[in-house]
């Protein structure tokens, strides 16, 4: 439903103004955003950033240090991240600028309405296409939530004791699937990689005694920076900000790969993401290399592994997950 949210915003924004769009999903927003003449997009996701660039749209991986005449925002899946982005967006507005916000009803519109009314109890929302939307200026803000919201758009220690960032996958916990994968890993040796490394939990916790070099590949720049900080004393690690499926990656043939591949793109289940990770693993592994993969049990990766490698072993089946080994 985020496409409907962007379509609603397109009815109220000014296509001629200097504009910043905060973390839009390309597939849901591009038809609307492409009409804006002076547009900048902020997204830390390499795959999304490159898609916008192919349409000749200026896209940045960090928030720009400048002000804009209008800010556009449709919430991400993470509410804490979304509230922090609202606050950041307000900070990037010119004094007479406008913040345009929209949210689908089934994505928490009612909750966001309550949060935004903390800025001004008199805010009124429009409703269309099963979504709510509003435009407001800094002058209308009776209260600001700087201390409440902005602190959540920064690196911090999560509940598991790792440096993390609200909004990255599993930011405030140890992902259970990754924990199960870790429990099955033997003492790996040689040069290896963690595909979709997140904040670096697997590499940080695995036995690296015999590892000569470890590559961490991650699509979210914030997560990669977390892993860099969590492994700051580890000289064997090399960090790659990449779209694993589409970027050209310079890796020598690897002795092993570990992965907990994503299976969501935005809010939609995308099995092709994991299947693409498996194809890339075959491309980079030595013939006698090892692949360890964890996934939800309903994802059909066994056939893909047999198709790509000619063999597959199910190491563990537990708590709705499975660990597969080639």
C-alpha atoms as a PDB file:
ATOM      1  CA  UNK A   1       0.000   0.000   0.000  1.00  0.00           C
ATOM      2  CA  UNK A   2       2.993   2.401   0.098  1.00  0.00           C
ATOM      3  CA  UNK A   3       2.461   3.075  -3.596  1.00  0.00           C
ATOM      4  CA  UNK A   4      -0.934   4.583  -2.729  1.00  0.00           C
ATOM      5  CA  UNK A   5       0.794   6.715  -0.091  1.00  0.00           C
ATOM      6  CA  UNK A   6       3.190   8.113  -2.678  1.00  0.00           C
ATOM      7  CA  UNK A   7       0.310   8.732  -5.056  1.00  0.00           C
ATOM      8  CA  UNK A   8      -1.415  10.730  -2.318  1.00  0.00           C
ATOM      9  CA  UNK A   9       1.696  12.809  -1.704  1.00  0.00           C
ATOM     10  CA  UNK A  10       1.927  13.511  -5.429  1.00  0.00           C
ATOM     11  CA  UNK A  11      -1.367  15.396  -5.172  1.00  0.00           C
ATOM     12  CA  UNK A  12       0.013  17.892  -2.641  1.00  0.00           C
ATOM     13  CA  UNK A  13       3.717  18.406  -3.316  1.00  0.00           C
ATOM     14  CA  UNK A  14       5.145  21.078  -5.632  1.00  0.00           C
ATOM     15  CA  UNK A  15       7.100  19.469  -8.483  1.00  0.00           C
ATOM     16  CA  UNK A  16       9.288  22.553  -8.956  1.00  0.00           C
ATOM     17  CA  UNK A  17      10.709  22.820  -5.421  1.00  0.00           C
ATOM     18  CA  UNK A  18      14.041  21.583  -4.092  1.00  0.00           C
ATOM     19  CA  UNK A  19      13.003  18.251  -2.590  1.00  0.00           C
ATOM     20  CA  UNK A  20      14.422  15.515  -0.358  1.00  0.00           C
ATOM     21  CA  UNK A  21      12.754  12.067  -0.266  1.00  0.00           C
ATOM     22  CA  UNK A  22      13.641   9.979   2.792  1.00  0.00           C
ATOM     23  CA  UNK A  23      14.286   6.268   2.195  1.00  0.00           C
ATOM     24  CA  UNK A  24      11.629   5.690  -0.471  1.00  0.00           C
ATOM     25  CA  UNK A  25      11.146   2.191  -1.880  1.00  0.00           C
ATOM     26  CA  UNK A  26      12.011   2.485  -5.540  1.00  0.00           C
ATOM     27  CA  UNK A  27       9.319   0.171  -6.888  1.00  0.00           C
ATOM     28  CA  UNK A  28       6.579   1.921  -4.900  1.00  0.00           C
ATOM     29  CA  UNK A  29       7.634   5.531  -5.403  1.00  0.00           C
ATOM     30  CA  UNK A  30       9.421   5.976  -8.730  1.00  0.00           C
ATOM     31  CA  UNK A  31       6.333   6.672 -10.849  1.00  0.00           C
ATOM     32  CA  UNK A  32       5.458   9.589  -8.579  1.00  0.00           C
ATOM     33  CA  UNK A  33       8.946  10.855  -7.743  1.00  0.00           C
ATOM     34  CA  UNK A  34      10.114  10.950 -11.350  1.00  0.00           C
ATOM     35  CA  UNK A  35       7.874  13.996 -11.906  1.00  0.00           C
ATOM     36  CA  UNK A  36       9.876  16.179  -9.485  1.00  0.00           C
ATOM     37  CA  UNK A  37      12.458  18.362 -11.241  1.00  0.00           C
ATOM     38  CA  UNK A  38      14.874  19.068  -8.360  1.00  0.00           C
ATOM     39  CA  UNK A  39      14.912  15.845  -6.343  1.00  0.00           C
ATOM     40  CA  UNK A  40      17.413  14.250  -4.000  1.00  0.00           C
ATOM     41  CA  UNK A  41      16.884  10.798  -2.459  1.00  0.00           C
ATOM     42  CA  UNK A  42      18.410   9.534   0.759  1.00  0.00           C
ATOM     43  CA  UNK A  43      18.784   5.764   1.116  1.00  0.00           C
ATOM     44  CA  UNK A  44      21.533   3.710   2.804  1.00  0.00           C
ATOM     45  CA  UNK A  45      20.570   0.636   0.759  1.00  0.00           C
ATOM     46  CA  UNK A  46      22.942   0.072  -2.160  1.00  0.00           C
ATOM     47  CA  UNK A  47      20.379  -1.774  -4.279  1.00  0.00           C
ATOM     48  CA  UNK A  48      17.833   1.045  -3.939  1.00  0.00           C
ATOM     49  CA  UNK A  49      20.382   3.799  -4.439  1.00  0.00           C
ATOM     50  CA  UNK A  50      21.572   2.349  -7.743  1.00  0.00           C
ATOM     51  CA  UNK A  51      18.007   2.017  -9.035  1.00  0.00           C
ATOM     52  CA  UNK A  52      17.359   5.720  -8.499  1.00  0.00           C
ATOM     53  CA  UNK A  53      20.668   6.613 -10.128  1.00  0.00           C
ATOM     54  CA  UNK A  54      19.716   4.678 -13.253  1.00  0.00           C
ATOM     55  CA  UNK A  55      16.834   7.155 -13.589  1.00  0.00           C
ATOM     56  CA  UNK A  56      19.277  10.088 -13.303  1.00  0.00           C
ATOM     57  CA  UNK A  57      17.984  10.937  -9.818  1.00  0.00           C
ATOM     58  CA  UNK A  58      20.515  12.255  -7.325  1.00  0.00           C
ATOM     59  CA  UNK A  59      20.783   9.652  -4.538  1.00  0.00           C
ATOM     60  CA  UNK A  60      22.920   9.777  -1.387  1.00  0.00           C
ATOM     61  CA  UNK A  61      23.798   7.095   1.168  1.00  0.00           C
ATOM     62  CA  UNK A  62      24.008   9.601   4.040  1.00  0.00           C
ATOM     63  CA  UNK A  63      21.785  12.555   4.892  1.00  0.00           C
ATOM     64  CA  UNK A  64      22.921  15.698   3.055  1.00  0.00           C
ATOM     65  CA  UNK A  65      24.143  18.745   4.957  1.00  0.00           C
ATOM     66  CA  UNK A  66      21.729  21.221   3.371  1.00  0.00           C
ATOM     67  CA  UNK A  67      18.156  22.437   3.615  1.00  0.00           C
ATOM     68  CA  UNK A  68      15.215  21.726   1.333  1.00  0.00           C
ATOM     69  CA  UNK A  69      11.963  23.412   0.388  1.00  0.00           C
ATOM     70  CA  UNK A  70      10.001  20.210   0.888  1.00  0.00           C
ATOM     71  CA  UNK A  71      10.563  16.805   2.489  1.00  0.00           C
ATOM     72  CA  UNK A  72       8.717  13.650   1.415  1.00  0.00           C
ATOM     73  CA  UNK A  73       8.341  10.622   3.646  1.00  0.00           C
ATOM     74  CA  UNK A  74       6.407   7.360   3.749  1.00  0.00           C
ATOM     75  CA  UNK A  75       7.290   5.272   6.845  1.00  0.00           C
ATOM     76  CA  UNK A  76       9.650   2.325   6.643  1.00  0.00           C
ATOM     77  CA  UNK A  77       8.853  -1.019   8.281  1.00  0.00           C
ATOM     78  CA  UNK A  78      10.539   0.113  11.501  1.00  0.00           C
ATOM     79  CA  UNK A  79       8.567   2.618  13.590  1.00  0.00           C
ATOM     80  CA  UNK A  80      11.542   3.806  15.650  1.00  0.00           C
ATOM     81  CA  UNK A  81      13.502   4.467  12.475  1.00  0.00           C
ATOM     82  CA  UNK A  82      10.513   6.236  10.918  1.00  0.00           C
ATOM     83  CA  UNK A  83       9.993   8.613  13.850  1.00  0.00           C
ATOM     84  CA  UNK A  84      13.702   9.440  13.832  1.00  0.00           C
ATOM     85  CA  UNK A  85      13.532  10.156  10.091  1.00  0.00           C
ATOM     86  CA  UNK A  86      10.581  12.493  10.637  1.00  0.00           C
ATOM     87  CA  UNK A  87      12.684  14.456  13.096  1.00  0.00           C
ATOM     88  CA  UNK A  88      15.694  14.465  10.744  1.00  0.00           C
ATOM     89  CA  UNK A  89      13.463  15.598   7.912  1.00  0.00           C
ATOM     90  CA  UNK A  90      12.144  18.525   9.928  1.00  0.00           C
ATOM     91  CA  UNK A  91      15.743  19.535  10.661  1.00  0.00           C
ATOM     92  CA  UNK A  92      16.437  19.587   6.906  1.00  0.00           C
ATOM     93  CA  UNK A  93      13.524  21.892   6.081  1.00  0.00           C
ATOM     94  CA  UNK A  94      13.894  25.544   5.203  1.00  0.00           C
ATOM     95  CA  UNK A  95      11.964  27.852   7.539  1.00  0.00           C
ATOM     96  CA  UNK A  96       9.094  28.179   5.059  1.00  0.00           C
ATOM     97  CA  UNK A  97       9.352  24.580   3.811  1.00  0.00           C
ATOM     98  CA  UNK A  98       6.774  21.806   3.955  1.00  0.00           C
ATOM     99  CA  UNK A  99       6.997  18.257   5.279  1.00  0.00           C
ATOM    100  CA  UNK A 100       4.714  15.883   3.345  1.00  0.00           C
ATOM    101  CA  UNK A 101       3.918  12.620   5.168  1.00  0.00           C
ATOM    102  CA  UNK A 102       1.697   9.696   4.147  1.00  0.00           C
ATOM    103  CA  UNK A 103       1.064   6.235   5.550  1.00  0.00           C
ATOM    104  CA  UNK A 104      -1.182   3.362   4.509  1.00  0.00           C
ATOM    105  CA  UNK A 105      -3.894   2.428   6.987  1.00  0.00           C
ATOM    106  CA  UNK A 106      -2.570  -1.124   7.233  1.00  0.00           C
ATOM    107  CA  UNK A 107       0.990   0.136   7.866  1.00  0.00           C
ATOM    108  CA  UNK A 108       0.205   1.922  11.124  1.00  0.00           C
ATOM    109  CA  UNK A 109      -1.339   5.194   9.935  1.00  0.00           C
ATOM    110  CA  UNK A 110      -3.394   5.583  13.113  1.00  0.00           C
ATOM    111  CA  UNK A 111      -0.313   5.198  15.316  1.00  0.00           C
ATOM    112  CA  UNK A 112       1.678   7.731  13.295  1.00  0.00           C
ATOM    113  CA  UNK A 113      -1.239  10.148  13.449  1.00  0.00           C
ATOM    114  CA  UNK A 114      -1.063   9.973  17.241  1.00  0.00           C
ATOM    115  CA  UNK A 115       2.698  10.546  17.195  1.00  0.00           C
ATOM    116  CA  UNK A 116       2.467  13.518  14.832  1.00  0.00           C
ATOM    117  CA  UNK A 117      -0.260  15.085  16.957  1.00  0.00           C
ATOM    118  CA  UNK A 118       2.378  15.305  19.667  1.00  0.00           C
ATOM    119  CA  UNK A 119       3.950  17.988  17.461  1.00  0.00           C
ATOM    120  CA  UNK A 120       0.646  19.822  17.131  1.00  0.00           C
ATOM    121  CA  UNK A 121      -2.635  18.516  18.619  1.00  0.00           C
ATOM    122  CA  UNK A 122      -4.585  20.401  15.945  1.00  0.00           C
ATOM    123  CA  UNK A 123      -3.050  18.538  13.006  1.00  0.00           C
ATOM    124  CA  UNK A 124      -5.706  17.287  10.587  1.00  0.00           C
ATOM    125  CA  UNK A 125      -5.082  14.350   8.231  1.00  0.00           C
ATOM    126  CA  UNK A 126      -6.572  13.706   4.824  1.00  0.00           C
ATOM    127  CA  UNK A 127      -7.710  10.224   3.838  1.00  0.00           C
ATOM    128  CA  UNK A 128      -7.580   8.698   0.363  1.00  0.00           C
ATOM    129  CA  UNK A 129      -6.696   5.340  -1.253  1.00  0.00           C
ATOM    130  CA  UNK A 130      -6.782   3.603   2.162  1.00  0.00           C
ATOM    131  CA  UNK A 131      -4.032   5.899   3.471  1.00  0.00           C
ATOM    132  CA  UNK A 132      -3.673   9.054   5.590  1.00  0.00           C
ATOM    133  CA  UNK A 133      -1.510  12.030   4.677  1.00  0.00           C
ATOM    134  CA  UNK A 134      -0.641  15.488   5.937  1.00  0.00           C
ATOM    135  CA  UNK A 135       1.536  18.477   5.035  1.00  0.00           C
ATOM    136  CA  UNK A 136       2.949  20.789   7.694  1.00  0.00           C
ATOM    137  CA  UNK A 137       5.596  23.481   8.096  1.00  0.00           C
ATOM    138  CA  UNK A 138       8.117  24.045  10.916  1.00  0.00           C
ATOM    139  CA  UNK A 139       6.081  27.076  11.962  1.00  0.00           C
ATOM    140  CA  UNK A 140       3.170  24.791  12.860  1.00  0.00           C
ATOM    141  CA  UNK A 141       5.178  22.724  15.338  1.00  0.00           C
ATOM    142  CA  UNK A 142       4.130  23.597  18.857  1.00  0.00           C
ATOM    143  CA  UNK A 143       6.255  20.822  20.355  1.00  0.00           C
ATOM    144  CA  UNK A 144       9.389  19.119  19.054  1.00  0.00           C
ATOM    145  CA  UNK A 145      10.403  15.561  19.879  1.00  0.00           C
ATOM    146  CA  UNK A 146      14.157  16.032  19.405  1.00  0.00           C
ATOM    147  CA  UNK A 147      15.187  14.117  22.526  1.00  0.00           C
ATOM    148  CA  UNK A 148      12.546  11.461  22.024  1.00  0.00           C
ATOM    149  CA  UNK A 149      13.102  10.726  18.343  1.00  0.00           C
ATOM    150  CA  UNK A 150      16.440  12.010  17.051  1.00  0.00           C
ATOM    151  CA  UNK A 151      18.519   9.903  19.460  1.00  0.00           C
ATOM    152  CA  UNK A 152      17.215   6.835  17.646  1.00  0.00           C
ATOM    153  CA  UNK A 153      18.896   7.805  14.369  1.00  0.00           C
ATOM    154  CA  UNK A 154      22.402   7.000  15.507  1.00  0.00           C
ATOM    155  CA  UNK A 155      24.690   4.101  16.357  1.00  0.00           C
ATOM    156  CA  UNK A 156      24.005   2.583  19.764  1.00  0.00           C
ATOM    157  CA  UNK A 157      24.543  -0.544  21.833  1.00  0.00           C
ATOM    158  CA  UNK A 158      21.693  -3.015  21.356  1.00  0.00           C
ATOM    159  CA  UNK A 159      20.254  -5.388  23.939  1.00  0.00           C
ATOM    160  CA  UNK A 160      22.759  -8.071  22.894  1.00  0.00           C
ATOM    161  CA  UNK A 161      25.732  -5.772  23.538  1.00  0.00           C
ATOM    162  CA  UNK A 162      26.613  -5.091  19.884  1.00  0.00           C
ATOM    163  CA  UNK A 163      26.887  -1.733  18.140  1.00  0.00           C
ATOM    164  CA  UNK A 164      23.767  -1.427  16.015  1.00  0.00           C
ATOM    165  CA  UNK A 165      21.453   1.090  14.350  1.00  0.00           C
ATOM    166  CA  UNK A 166      17.634   1.262  14.580  1.00  0.00           C
ATOM    167  CA  UNK A 167      16.117   0.133  11.303  1.00  0.00           C
ATOM    168  CA  UNK A 168      18.746  -2.351  10.175  1.00  0.00           C
ATOM    169  CA  UNK A 169      17.654  -5.992  10.154  1.00  0.00           C
ATOM    170  CA  UNK A 170      17.328  -7.397  13.698  1.00  0.00           C
ATOM    171  CA  UNK A 171      18.915  -4.237  15.073  1.00  0.00           C
ATOM    172  CA  UNK A 172      18.100  -4.766  18.765  1.00  0.00           C
ATOM    173  CA  UNK A 173      18.577  -8.507  19.152  1.00  0.00           C
ATOM    174  CA  UNK A 174      20.556 -11.533  18.094  1.00  0.00           C
ATOM    175  CA  UNK A 175      18.665 -13.021  15.190  1.00  0.00           C
ATOM    176  CA  UNK A 176      17.549 -16.525  16.211  1.00  0.00           C
ATOM    177  CA  UNK A 177      18.250 -18.010  12.782  1.00  0.00           C
ATOM    178  CA  UNK A 178      21.807 -16.661  12.862  1.00  0.00           C
ATOM    179  CA  UNK A 179      22.270 -18.111  16.335  1.00  0.00           C
ATOM    180  CA  UNK A 180      21.166 -21.535  15.044  1.00  0.00           C
ATOM    181  CA  UNK A 181      23.531 -21.264  12.087  1.00  0.00           C
ATOM    182  CA  UNK A 182      26.403 -20.359  14.388  1.00  0.00           C
ATOM    183  CA  UNK A 183      25.736 -23.439  16.530  1.00  0.00           C
ATOM    184  CA  UNK A 184      26.294 -25.720  13.519  1.00  0.00           C
ATOM    185  CA  UNK A 185      29.471 -24.164  12.137  1.00  0.00           C
ATOM    186  CA  UNK A 186      32.670 -26.224  12.322  1.00  0.00           C
ATOM    187  CA  UNK A 187      36.076 -24.570  12.672  1.00  0.00           C
ATOM    188  CA  UNK A 188      36.243 -22.996   9.233  1.00  0.00           C
ATOM    189  CA  UNK A 189      39.576 -22.231   7.605  1.00  0.00           C
ATOM    190  CA  UNK A 190      40.971 -20.220   4.750  1.00  0.00           C
ATOM    191  CA  UNK A 191      39.358 -17.246   3.040  1.00  0.00           C
ATOM    192  CA  UNK A 192      35.633 -16.837   3.536  1.00  0.00           C
ATOM    193  CA  UNK A 193      32.676 -14.478   3.345  1.00  0.00           C
ATOM    194  CA  UNK A 194      29.499 -13.581   5.192  1.00  0.00           C
ATOM    195  CA  UNK A 195      26.808 -12.731   2.622  1.00  0.00           C
ATOM    196  CA  UNK A 196      24.369 -10.208   4.119  1.00  0.00           C
ATOM    197  CA  UNK A 197      26.483  -9.708   7.224  1.00  0.00           C
ATOM    198  CA  UNK A 198      24.211  -7.294   9.119  1.00  0.00           C
ATOM    199  CA  UNK A 199      25.936  -5.785  12.155  1.00  0.00           C
ATOM    200  CA  UNK A 200      28.542  -8.556  12.067  1.00  0.00           C
ATOM    201  CA  UNK A 201      27.197 -11.077  14.582  1.00  0.00           C
ATOM    202  CA  UNK A 202      28.172 -14.262  12.704  1.00  0.00           C
ATOM    203  CA  UNK A 203      31.710 -13.162  11.923  1.00  0.00           C
ATOM    204  CA  UNK A 204      32.189 -11.768  15.415  1.00  0.00           C
ATOM    205  CA  UNK A 205      31.101 -14.978  17.136  1.00  0.00           C
ATOM    206  CA  UNK A 206      32.434 -17.694  14.838  1.00  0.00           C
ATOM    207  CA  UNK A 207      35.761 -19.403  15.505  1.00  0.00           C
ATOM    208  CA  UNK A 208      38.171 -17.489  13.236  1.00  0.00           C
ATOM    209  CA  UNK A 209      41.377 -19.163  14.456  1.00  0.00           C
ATOM    210  CA  UNK A 210      42.089 -20.741  11.062  1.00  0.00           C
ATOM    211  CA  UNK A 211      40.486 -18.018   8.955  1.00  0.00           C
ATOM    212  CA  UNK A 212      43.025 -16.076   6.877  1.00  0.00           C
ATOM    213  CA  UNK A 213      40.644 -13.464   5.489  1.00  0.00           C
ATOM    214  CA  UNK A 214      36.942 -12.714   6.048  1.00  0.00           C
ATOM    215  CA  UNK A 215      34.794 -10.641   3.683  1.00  0.00           C
ATOM    216  CA  UNK A 216      31.604  -9.046   5.021  1.00  0.00           C
ATOM    217  CA  UNK A 217      29.132  -8.132   2.257  1.00  0.00           C
ATOM    218  CA  UNK A 218      26.152  -5.951   3.165  1.00  0.00           C
ATOM    219  CA  UNK A 219      23.562  -3.873   1.293  1.00  0.00           C
ATOM    220  CA  UNK A 220      22.717  -1.488   4.179  1.00  0.00           C
ATOM    221  CA  UNK A 221      25.566   0.975   4.716  1.00  0.00           C
ATOM    222  CA  UNK A 222      24.543   1.552   8.351  1.00  0.00           C
ATOM    223  CA  UNK A 223      24.721  -2.175   9.107  1.00  0.00           C
ATOM    224  CA  UNK A 224      28.130  -2.423   7.433  1.00  0.00           C
ATOM    225  CA  UNK A 225      29.427   0.428   9.569  1.00  0.00           C
ATOM    226  CA  UNK A 226      28.096  -1.398  12.650  1.00  0.00           C
ATOM    227  CA  UNK A 227      30.014  -4.529  11.678  1.00  0.00           C
ATOM    228  CA  UNK A 228      33.135  -2.440  11.091  1.00  0.00           C
ATOM    229  CA  UNK A 229      32.833  -1.033  14.614  1.00  0.00           C
ATOM    230  CA  UNK A 230      31.995  -4.398  16.196  1.00  0.00           C
ATOM    231  CA  UNK A 231      35.067  -5.929  14.523  1.00  0.00           C
ATOM    232  CA  UNK A 232      37.349  -2.917  14.827  1.00  0.00           C
ATOM    233  CA  UNK A 233      40.184  -4.986  16.314  1.00  0.00           C
ATOM    234  CA  UNK A 234      39.965  -7.731  13.668  1.00  0.00           C
ATOM    235  CA  UNK A 235      42.598  -7.257  10.962  1.00  0.00           C
ATOM    236  CA  UNK A 236      41.387 -10.219   8.891  1.00  0.00           C
ATOM    237  CA  UNK A 237      38.078  -8.573   7.960  1.00  0.00           C
ATOM    238  CA  UNK A 238      37.322  -6.707   4.738  1.00  0.00           C
ATOM    239  CA  UNK A 239      34.051  -4.785   4.474  1.00  0.00           C
ATOM    240  CA  UNK A 240      32.089  -4.433   1.224  1.00  0.00           C
ATOM    241  CA  UNK A 241      29.068  -2.168   0.707  1.00  0.00           C
ATOM    242  CA  UNK A 242      27.443  -4.000  -2.195  1.00  0.00           C
ATOM    243  CA  UNK A 243      24.260  -5.155  -3.820  1.00  0.00           C
ATOM    244  CA  UNK A 244      25.248  -8.811  -3.873  1.00  0.00           C
ATOM    245  CA  UNK A 245      22.877  -9.702  -6.683  1.00  0.00           C
ATOM    246  CA  UNK A 246      23.827  -6.954  -9.134  1.00  0.00           C
ATOM    247  CA  UNK A 247      27.185  -5.385  -8.285  1.00  0.00           C
ATOM    248  CA  UNK A 248      30.445  -6.621  -9.708  1.00  0.00           C
ATOM    249  CA  UNK A 249      32.335  -7.955  -6.689  1.00  0.00           C
ATOM    250  CA  UNK A 250      36.068  -8.631  -6.744  1.00  0.00           C
ATOM    251  CA  UNK A 251      36.509 -11.763  -4.654  1.00  0.00           C
ATOM    252  CA  UNK A 252      39.065 -14.530  -5.015  1.00  0.00           C
ATOM    253  CA  UNK A 253      37.692 -18.096  -5.024  1.00  0.00           C
ATOM    254  CA  UNK A 254      36.518 -18.654  -1.456  1.00  0.00           C
ATOM    255  CA  UNK A 255      36.974 -21.598   0.882  1.00  0.00           C
ATOM    256  CA  UNK A 256      33.654 -20.983   2.629  1.00  0.00           C
ATOM    257  CA  UNK A 257      30.570 -18.771   2.721  1.00  0.00           C
ATOM    258  CA  UNK A 258      28.075 -18.347   5.549  1.00  0.00           C
ATOM    259  CA  UNK A 259      24.732 -16.648   5.006  1.00  0.00           C
ATOM    260  CA  UNK A 260      21.342 -15.858   6.446  1.00  0.00           C
ATOM    261  CA  UNK A 261      19.921 -14.464   3.206  1.00  0.00           C
ATOM    262  CA  UNK A 262      17.137 -11.873   3.201  1.00  0.00           C
ATOM    263  CA  UNK A 263      13.757 -12.861   1.823  1.00  0.00           C
ATOM    264  CA  UNK A 264      11.950  -9.518   2.024  1.00  0.00           C
ATOM    265  CA  UNK A 265      12.208  -6.585  -0.325  1.00  0.00           C
ATOM    266  CA  UNK A 266      10.350  -3.763   1.354  1.00  0.00           C
ATOM    267  CA  UNK A 267       7.265  -5.403   2.833  1.00  0.00           C
ATOM    268  CA  UNK A 268       6.979  -8.200   0.255  1.00  0.00           C
ATOM    269  CA  UNK A 269       8.334 -11.757   0.525  1.00  0.00           C
ATOM    270  CA  UNK A 270      10.863 -12.257  -2.276  1.00  0.00           C
ATOM    271  CA  UNK A 271      12.203 -15.807  -2.510  1.00  0.00           C
ATOM    272  CA  UNK A 272      14.359 -14.746  -5.455  1.00  0.00           C
ATOM    273  CA  UNK A 273      16.657 -12.852  -3.086  1.00  0.00           C
ATOM    274  CA  UNK A 274      17.805 -16.028  -1.354  1.00  0.00           C
ATOM    275  CA  UNK A 275      17.950 -17.932  -4.642  1.00  0.00           C
ATOM    276  CA  UNK A 276      20.162 -15.175  -6.028  1.00  0.00           C
ATOM    277  CA  UNK A 277      22.452 -15.421  -2.992  1.00  0.00           C
ATOM    278  CA  UNK A 278      22.823 -19.150  -3.662  1.00  0.00           C
ATOM    279  CA  UNK A 279      23.756 -18.535  -7.303  1.00  0.00           C
ATOM    280  CA  UNK A 280      26.343 -15.961  -6.223  1.00  0.00           C
ATOM    281  CA  UNK A 281      27.746 -18.408  -3.667  1.00  0.00           C
ATOM    282  CA  UNK A 282      28.361 -20.959  -6.428  1.00  0.00           C
ATOM    283  CA  UNK A 283      30.097 -18.245  -8.459  1.00  0.00           C
ATOM    284  CA  UNK A 284      32.541 -17.362  -5.673  1.00  0.00           C
ATOM    285  CA  UNK A 285      33.172 -20.714  -3.958  1.00  0.00           C
ATOM    286  CA  UNK A 286      36.038 -23.030  -4.791  1.00  0.00           C
ATOM    287  CA  UNK A 287      34.949 -26.433  -6.120  1.00  0.00           C
ATOM    288  CA  UNK A 288      35.722 -27.962  -2.724  1.00  0.00           C
ATOM    289  CA  UNK A 289      34.425 -24.940  -0.796  1.00  0.00           C
ATOM    290  CA  UNK A 290      31.709 -25.001   1.859  1.00  0.00           C
ATOM    291  CA  UNK A 291      28.417 -23.114   2.034  1.00  0.00           C
ATOM    292  CA  UNK A 292      26.416 -22.893   5.261  1.00  0.00           C
ATOM    293  CA  UNK A 293      22.967 -21.326   4.931  1.00  0.00           C
ATOM    294  CA  UNK A 294      20.096 -20.776   7.369  1.00  0.00           C
ATOM    295  CA  UNK A 295      16.545 -20.012   6.264  1.00  0.00           C
ATOM    296  CA  UNK A 296      12.904 -20.320   7.213  1.00  0.00           C
ATOM    297  CA  UNK A 297      11.656 -23.835   6.586  1.00  0.00           C
ATOM    298  CA  UNK A 298       9.061 -22.731   4.025  1.00  0.00           C
ATOM    299  CA  UNK A 299      11.687 -21.275   1.675  1.00  0.00           C
ATOM    300  CA  UNK A 300      12.486 -23.728  -1.195  1.00  0.00           C
ATOM    301  CA  UNK A 301      16.278 -23.583  -1.147  1.00  0.00           C
ATOM    302  CA  UNK A 302      17.054 -27.326  -1.187  1.00  0.00           C
ATOM    303  CA  UNK A 303      16.252 -27.745  -4.877  1.00  0.00           C
ATOM    304  CA  UNK A 304      18.246 -24.620  -5.714  1.00  0.00           C
ATOM    305  CA  UNK A 305      21.305 -25.940  -3.886  1.00  0.00           C
ATOM    306  CA  UNK A 306      21.117 -29.280  -5.655  1.00  0.00           C
ATOM    307  CA  UNK A 307      20.655 -27.511  -8.984  1.00  0.00           C
ATOM    308  CA  UNK A 308      23.649 -25.231  -8.432  1.00  0.00           C
ATOM    309  CA  UNK A 309      26.014 -27.602  -6.613  1.00  0.00           C
ATOM    310  CA  UNK A 310      24.688 -31.100  -7.314  1.00  0.00           C
ATOM    311  CA  UNK A 311      24.485 -31.904  -3.606  1.00  0.00           C
ATOM    312  CA  UNK A 312      23.033 -30.667  -0.323  1.00  0.00           C
ATOM    313  CA  UNK A 313      22.870 -31.710   3.320  1.00  0.00           C
ATOM    314  CA  UNK A 314      20.296 -30.602   5.871  1.00  0.00           C
ATOM    315  CA  UNK A 315      22.272 -30.066   9.069  1.00  0.00           C
ATOM    316  CA  UNK A 316      19.522 -28.798  11.379  1.00  0.00           C
ATOM    317  CA  UNK A 317      15.766 -28.341  11.442  1.00  0.00           C
ATOM    318  CA  UNK A 318      14.566 -26.441  14.491  1.00  0.00           C
ATOM    319  CA  UNK A 319      12.185 -23.671  15.590  1.00  0.00           C
ATOM    320  CA  UNK A 320      10.857 -23.095  12.086  1.00  0.00           C
ATOM    321  CA  UNK A 321      14.331 -22.797  10.560  1.00  0.00           C
ATOM    322  CA  UNK A 322      16.705 -25.070   8.704  1.00  0.00           C
ATOM    323  CA  UNK A 323      20.487 -25.032   8.271  1.00  0.00           C
ATOM    324  CA  UNK A 324      21.694 -26.343   4.902  1.00  0.00           C
ATOM    325  CA  UNK A 325      25.270 -27.274   3.973  1.00  0.00           C
ATOM    326  CA  UNK A 326      27.029 -27.826   0.692  1.00  0.00           C
END
